Amino acid sequence: MVGVPQSHTGWTFITSHARVLAAIADNPNARIRDIAARCRLTERAVSRIISDLEQDGYLSHTRDGRTNNYRIEPDKVLRHPAEAGLSVASLLSLLVQDETDRVRKPVAR
């Protein structure tokens, strides 16, 4: 079982909403527990973020047994006026790596 992630202080470049959306784009069948672990958030926070994204039409889901299958609306534009005209697909193209790239180019630590 995954524990509560360590807290983070200070600012970051990417919001939790963007992190959750990218995790779902990478695996549309991911469990909330897995998304939370990947994004270093609590499961409760991920549930709230998914609810926000669904409420505003960026995300929807269907049930398949006990599994959620998420669907991202790639043509939906981002909310902030500074990103006017920028689509979810454009944002995700920056955040989600193709699996082959991830294997070939490990992230430096």
Protein backbone atom coordinates (compact mmCIF):
# COMPACT_ATOMS: atom_id res chain seq x y z
CA MET A 1 0.00 0.00 0.00
CA VAL A 2 1.28 3.43 -0.93
CA GLY A 3 1.67 5.88 1.96
CA VAL A 4 0.94 9.57 1.98
CA PRO A 5 3.53 11.38 -0.12
CA GLN A 6 5.99 13.76 1.48
CA SER A 7 4.75 17.33 1.59
CA HIS A 8 6.28 19.90 -0.68
CA THR A 9 6.98 23.51 0.18
CA GLY A 10 7.48 26.33 -2.26
CA TRP A 11 6.17 26.80 -5.73
CA THR A 12 6.25 24.48 -8.74
CA PHE A 13 5.93 25.00 -12.48
CA ILE A 14 3.18 22.44 -13.04
CA THR A 15 -0.14 22.40 -11.18
CA SER A 16 -1.57 19.30 -9.56
CA HIS A 17 -4.45 19.42 -12.07
CA ALA A 18 -1.96 19.25 -14.96
CA ARG A 19 -0.04 16.41 -13.28
CA VAL A 20 -3.23 14.36 -12.80
CA LEU A 21 -4.34 15.02 -16.37
CA ALA A 22 -0.92 13.91 -17.68
CA ALA A 23 -1.02 10.74 -15.56
CA ILE A 24 -4.44 9.90 -16.98
CA ALA A 25 -3.26 10.64 -20.52
CA ASP A 26 -0.42 8.21 -19.95
CA ASN A 27 -2.77 5.51 -18.60
CA PRO A 28 -6.53 6.08 -19.06
CA ASN A 29 -7.31 3.04 -16.88
CA ALA A 30 -5.12 4.05 -13.94
CA ARG A 31 -6.53 3.69 -10.44
CA ILE A 32 -6.79 6.76 -8.25
CA ARG A 33 -4.23 5.14 -5.96
CA ASP A 34 -1.75 4.83 -8.82
CA ILE A 35 -2.36 8.40 -10.02
CA ALA A 36 -1.85 9.67 -6.47
CA ALA A 37 1.45 7.81 -6.13
CA ARG A 38 2.73 9.04 -9.48
CA CYS A 39 1.72 12.65 -8.81
CA ARG A 40 2.81 12.56 -5.16
CA LEU A 41 -0.66 13.58 -4.02
CA THR A 42 -3.17 12.03 -1.66
CA GLU A 43 -5.97 9.91 -3.08
CA ARG A 44 -8.48 12.45 -1.74
CA ALA A 45 -6.73 15.26 -3.61
CA VAL A 46 -6.71 13.23 -6.84
CA SER A 47 -10.44 12.48 -6.45
CA ARG A 48 -11.18 16.20 -6.04
CA ILE A 49 -9.04 17.09 -9.05
CA ILE A 50 -10.74 14.46 -11.22
CA SER A 51 -14.09 15.85 -10.10
CA ASP A 52 -12.98 19.39 -11.04
CA LEU A 53 -11.79 18.23 -14.46
CA GLU A 54 -15.01 16.31 -15.11
CA GLN A 55 -17.22 19.17 -13.93
CA ASP A 56 -15.56 21.57 -16.37
CA GLY A 57 -15.64 19.11 -19.29
CA TYR A 58 -11.93 18.32 -19.58
CA LEU A 59 -12.38 14.69 -18.58
CA SER A 60 -15.09 12.03 -18.48
CA HIS A 61 -15.14 8.43 -17.36
CA THR A 62 -17.04 5.22 -17.87
CA ARG A 63 -17.12 2.22 -15.60
CA ASP A 64 -15.96 -1.18 -16.80
CA GLY A 65 -16.59 -3.48 -13.86
CA ARG A 66 -14.49 -2.07 -11.05
CA THR A 67 -12.28 -0.04 -13.37
CA ASN A 68 -12.70 3.56 -14.51
CA ASN A 69 -11.84 4.31 -18.11
CA TYR A 70 -11.04 8.00 -18.44
CA ARG A 71 -11.41 10.04 -21.61
CA ILE A 72 -9.70 13.40 -22.02
CA GLU A 73 -11.22 16.07 -24.27
CA PRO A 74 -8.10 17.02 -26.28
CA ASP A 75 -9.67 19.98 -28.10
CA LYS A 76 -10.92 21.73 -24.97
CA VAL A 77 -9.04 25.00 -24.44
CA LEU A 78 -7.26 25.86 -21.22
CA ARG A 79 -9.04 28.10 -18.71
CA HIS A 80 -6.61 30.94 -18.04
CA PRO A 81 -6.77 33.96 -20.38
CA ALA A 82 -2.98 33.86 -20.80
CA GLU A 83 -3.36 30.46 -22.47
CA ALA A 84 -6.26 31.55 -24.69
CA GLY A 85 -6.50 29.19 -27.64
CA LEU A 86 -4.09 26.60 -26.21
CA SER A 87 -5.71 23.16 -26.17
CA VAL A 88 -5.41 20.35 -23.66
CA ALA A 89 -3.68 18.30 -26.38
CA SER A 90 -0.99 20.99 -26.69
CA LEU A 91 -0.38 20.96 -22.95
CA LEU A 92 -0.25 17.17 -22.82
CA SER A 93 2.21 17.03 -25.70
CA LEU A 94 4.65 18.81 -23.39
CA LEU A 95 3.91 16.71 -20.30
CA VAL A 96 3.48 13.16 -21.56
CA GLN A 97 6.43 11.35 -23.08
CA ASP A 98 6.06 8.53 -25.51
CA GLU A 99 7.03 5.26 -23.79
CA THR A 100 9.84 4.67 -26.30
CA ASP A 101 11.36 8.07 -25.47
CA ARG A 102 11.15 7.32 -21.77
CA VAL A 103 13.07 4.06 -22.22
CA ARG A 104 15.72 5.60 -24.47
CA LYS A 105 16.27 8.82 -22.53
CA PRO A 106 16.29 8.26 -18.78
CA VAL A 107 15.64 11.36 -16.70
CA ALA A 108 18.76 12.76 -15.05
CA ARG A 109 18.55 13.11 -11.26
